[in-house]
Amino acid sequence: MNPLANMFSMNPKQIAQGLIKKIGTSNPVVNELSRLASSGDSKGIENLARNYFKEQGMDFDEEYKKFMSSIKM
């Protein structure tokens, strides 16, 4: 089976969890993201993302707006 076909048969949560597992568990941020995703804690995921963007000197809301605009949603 084509790997892309398999990817499109999964929902976004399954895709994200699969990618996280492939990255490995050596990164504590990835571990926390995996834990939050597994428990369905969308607010925790948002807080993690906001903190990450803040640490990078970026504005989460502005970047999210750009992202959503780029995918036309």
N, C-alpha and C. Protein backbone atom coordinates (compact mmCIF):
# COMPACT_ATOMS: atom_id res chain seq x y z
N MET A 1 0.84 -1.19 0.00
CA MET A 1 0.00 0.00 0.00
C MET A 1 0.88 1.25 0.00
N ASN A 2 0.44 2.24 -0.69
CA ASN A 2 1.13 3.53 -0.76
C ASN A 2 1.07 4.20 0.62
N PRO A 3 2.23 4.63 1.16
CA PRO A 3 2.22 5.27 2.49
C PRO A 3 1.32 6.50 2.55
N LEU A 4 1.23 7.25 1.46
CA LEU A 4 0.36 8.43 1.46
C LEU A 4 -1.10 8.03 1.54
N ALA A 5 -1.48 6.96 0.87
CA ALA A 5 -2.86 6.50 0.93
C ALA A 5 -3.20 6.11 2.37
N ASN A 6 -2.28 5.46 3.06
CA ASN A 6 -2.49 5.10 4.46
C ASN A 6 -2.66 6.34 5.32
N MET A 7 -1.85 7.36 5.07
CA MET A 7 -1.91 8.58 5.86
C MET A 7 -3.28 9.26 5.69
N PHE A 8 -3.82 9.27 4.47
CA PHE A 8 -5.09 9.94 4.24
C PHE A 8 -6.28 9.16 4.79
N SER A 9 -6.06 7.91 5.17
CA SER A 9 -7.14 7.13 5.76
C SER A 9 -7.24 7.35 7.27
N MET A 10 -6.28 8.09 7.84
CA MET A 10 -6.27 8.34 9.29
C MET A 10 -6.81 9.73 9.57
N ASN A 11 -7.31 9.92 10.79
CA ASN A 11 -7.73 11.26 11.19
C ASN A 11 -6.51 12.05 11.66
N PRO A 12 -6.63 13.37 11.78
CA PRO A 12 -5.47 14.19 12.16
C PRO A 12 -4.80 13.77 13.46
N LYS A 13 -5.59 13.33 14.44
CA LYS A 13 -5.02 12.90 15.72
C LYS A 13 -4.13 11.68 15.51
N GLN A 14 -4.59 10.72 14.70
CA GLN A 14 -3.80 9.52 14.43
C GLN A 14 -2.51 9.87 13.68
N ILE A 15 -2.60 10.79 12.74
CA ILE A 15 -1.42 11.21 11.99
C ILE A 15 -0.40 11.84 12.93
N ALA A 16 -0.86 12.76 13.78
CA ALA A 16 0.05 13.44 14.72
C ALA A 16 0.69 12.44 15.68
N GLN A 17 -0.09 11.52 16.20
CA GLN A 17 0.46 10.55 17.13
C GLN A 17 1.47 9.64 16.44
N GLY A 18 1.22 9.27 15.20
CA GLY A 18 2.17 8.46 14.45
C GLY A 18 3.48 9.19 14.22
N LEU A 19 3.38 10.48 13.88
CA LEU A 19 4.59 11.28 13.66
C LEU A 19 5.38 11.43 14.96
N ILE A 20 4.68 11.64 16.05
CA ILE A 20 5.34 11.78 17.35
C ILE A 20 6.08 10.50 17.71
N LYS A 21 5.47 9.36 17.48
CA LYS A 21 6.11 8.09 17.79
C LYS A 21 7.37 7.90 16.95
N LYS A 22 7.34 8.34 15.69
CA LYS A 22 8.50 8.19 14.82
C LYS A 22 9.65 9.09 15.25
N ILE A 23 9.34 10.25 15.80
CA ILE A 23 10.38 11.19 16.25
C ILE A 23 11.16 10.59 17.41
N GLY A 24 10.47 9.84 18.24
CA GLY A 24 11.13 9.22 19.38
C GLY A 24 10.79 9.92 20.68
N THR A 25 11.31 9.37 21.75
CA THR A 25 10.95 9.90 23.07
C THR A 25 12.11 10.62 23.75
N SER A 26 13.13 10.96 23.00
CA SER A 26 14.27 11.64 23.62
C SER A 26 14.01 13.13 23.84
N ASN A 27 12.98 13.66 23.24
CA ASN A 27 12.66 15.08 23.37
C ASN A 27 11.53 15.24 24.38
N PRO A 28 11.78 15.94 25.51
CA PRO A 28 10.74 16.07 26.53
C PRO A 28 9.50 16.83 26.04
N VAL A 29 9.67 17.77 25.13
CA VAL A 29 8.52 18.51 24.60
C VAL A 29 7.64 17.56 23.78
N VAL A 30 8.28 16.72 22.99
CA VAL A 30 7.54 15.73 22.19
C VAL A 30 6.83 14.74 23.11
N ASN A 31 7.48 14.33 24.18
CA ASN A 31 6.85 13.43 25.15
C ASN A 31 5.60 14.06 25.75
N GLU A 32 5.71 15.33 26.12
CA GLU A 32 4.57 16.02 26.72
C GLU A 32 3.45 16.18 25.69
N LEU A 33 3.81 16.51 24.46
CA LEU A 33 2.82 16.63 23.39
C LEU A 33 2.11 15.30 23.17
N SER A 34 2.85 14.22 23.19
CA SER A 34 2.27 12.89 23.02
C SER A 34 1.31 12.57 24.15
N ARG A 35 1.71 12.89 25.38
CA ARG A 35 0.85 12.64 26.54
C ARG A 35 -0.44 13.44 26.44
N LEU A 36 -0.32 14.72 26.06
CA LEU A 36 -1.49 15.58 25.95
C LEU A 36 -2.43 15.08 24.84
N ALA A 37 -1.85 14.69 23.71
CA ALA A 37 -2.66 14.19 22.59
C ALA A 37 -3.36 12.90 22.97
N SER A 38 -2.65 12.01 23.65
CA SER A 38 -3.25 10.73 24.04
C SER A 38 -4.41 10.90 25.00
N SER A 39 -4.32 11.92 25.84
CA SER A 39 -5.40 12.14 26.80
C SER A 39 -6.48 13.07 26.25
N GLY A 40 -6.29 13.57 25.04
CA GLY A 40 -7.30 14.45 24.43
C GLY A 40 -7.33 15.84 25.01
N ASP A 41 -6.22 16.27 25.60
CA ASP A 41 -6.15 17.58 26.26
C ASP A 41 -5.80 18.67 25.24
N SER A 42 -6.80 19.13 24.50
CA SER A 42 -6.56 20.14 23.46
C SER A 42 -6.12 21.48 24.05
N LYS A 43 -6.62 21.82 25.23
CA LYS A 43 -6.21 23.07 25.87
C LYS A 43 -4.74 23.00 26.27
N GLY A 44 -4.31 21.85 26.77
CA GLY A 44 -2.91 21.66 27.12
C GLY A 44 -2.01 21.75 25.90
N ILE A 45 -2.48 21.20 24.77
CA ILE A 45 -1.70 21.28 23.53
C ILE A 45 -1.58 22.73 23.10
N GLU A 46 -2.67 23.47 23.19
CA GLU A 46 -2.63 24.89 22.82
C GLU A 46 -1.65 25.65 23.72
N ASN A 47 -1.69 25.39 25.02
CA ASN A 47 -0.78 26.07 25.95
C ASN A 47 0.68 25.72 25.64
N LEU A 48 0.94 24.44 25.33
CA LEU A 48 2.29 24.04 24.97
C LEU A 48 2.75 24.79 23.72
N ALA A 49 1.87 24.88 22.72
CA ALA A 49 2.21 25.59 21.49
C ALA A 49 2.44 27.08 21.75
N ARG A 50 1.59 27.67 22.56
CA ARG A 50 1.76 29.11 22.87
C ARG A 50 3.10 29.36 23.56
N ASN A 51 3.44 28.50 24.51
CA ASN A 51 4.72 28.66 25.21
C ASN A 51 5.90 28.47 24.26
N TYR A 52 5.80 27.47 23.38
CA TYR A 52 6.87 27.23 22.41
C TYR A 52 7.07 28.45 21.51
N PHE A 53 5.97 28.98 20.98
CA PHE A 53 6.08 30.15 20.11
C PHE A 53 6.65 31.35 20.87
N LYS A 54 6.24 31.52 22.11
CA LYS A 54 6.75 32.63 22.93
C LYS A 54 8.26 32.49 23.12
N GLU A 55 8.72 31.27 23.39
CA GLU A 55 10.16 31.03 23.55
C GLU A 55 10.94 31.33 22.27
N GLN A 56 10.28 31.15 21.13
CA GLN A 56 10.91 31.40 19.84
C GLN A 56 10.79 32.87 19.42
N GLY A 57 10.15 33.69 20.26
CA GLY A 57 9.99 35.11 19.95
C GLY A 57 8.92 35.36 18.90
N MET A 58 7.95 34.48 18.82
CA MET A 58 6.90 34.60 17.82
C MET A 58 5.54 34.72 18.53
N ASP A 59 4.59 35.32 17.84
CA ASP A 59 3.24 35.47 18.38
C ASP A 59 2.37 34.32 17.86
N PHE A 60 1.89 33.48 18.76
CA PHE A 60 1.09 32.31 18.38
C PHE A 60 -0.12 32.70 17.56
N ASP A 61 -0.88 33.69 18.05
CA ASP A 61 -2.12 34.07 17.37
C ASP A 61 -1.85 34.54 15.94
N GLU A 62 -0.81 35.32 15.75
CA GLU A 62 -0.47 35.81 14.41
C GLU A 62 -0.03 34.65 13.51
N GLU A 63 0.79 33.77 14.02
CA GLU A 63 1.26 32.63 13.23
C GLU A 63 0.11 31.68 12.90
N TYR A 64 -0.80 31.48 13.84
CA TYR A 64 -1.96 30.62 13.60
C TYR A 64 -2.84 31.22 12.51
N LYS A 65 -3.02 32.52 12.58
CA LYS A 65 -3.82 33.22 11.57
C LYS A 65 -3.20 33.06 10.17
N LYS A 66 -1.87 33.20 10.09
CA LYS A 66 -1.18 33.01 8.81
C LYS A 66 -1.35 31.58 8.31
N PHE A 67 -1.20 30.62 9.23
CA PHE A 67 -1.33 29.22 8.86
C PHE A 67 -2.73 28.93 8.32
N MET A 68 -3.74 29.36 9.05
CA MET A 68 -5.12 29.10 8.61
C MET A 68 -5.40 29.77 7.28
N SER A 69 -4.85 30.94 7.07
CA SER A 69 -5.01 31.64 5.80
C SER A 69 -4.35 30.87 4.66
N SER A 70 -3.21 30.27 4.95
CA SER A 70 -2.48 29.54 3.91
C SER A 70 -3.19 28.26 3.48
N ILE A 71 -4.01 27.70 4.39
CA ILE A 71 -4.75 26.49 4.01
C ILE A 71 -6.20 26.81 3.69
N LYS A 72 -6.51 28.11 3.64
CA LYS A 72 -7.83 28.59 3.21
C LYS A 72 -8.98 28.09 4.06
N MET A 73 -8.80 28.14 5.40
CA MET A 73 -9.90 27.73 6.28
C MET A 73 -10.44 28.93 7.01
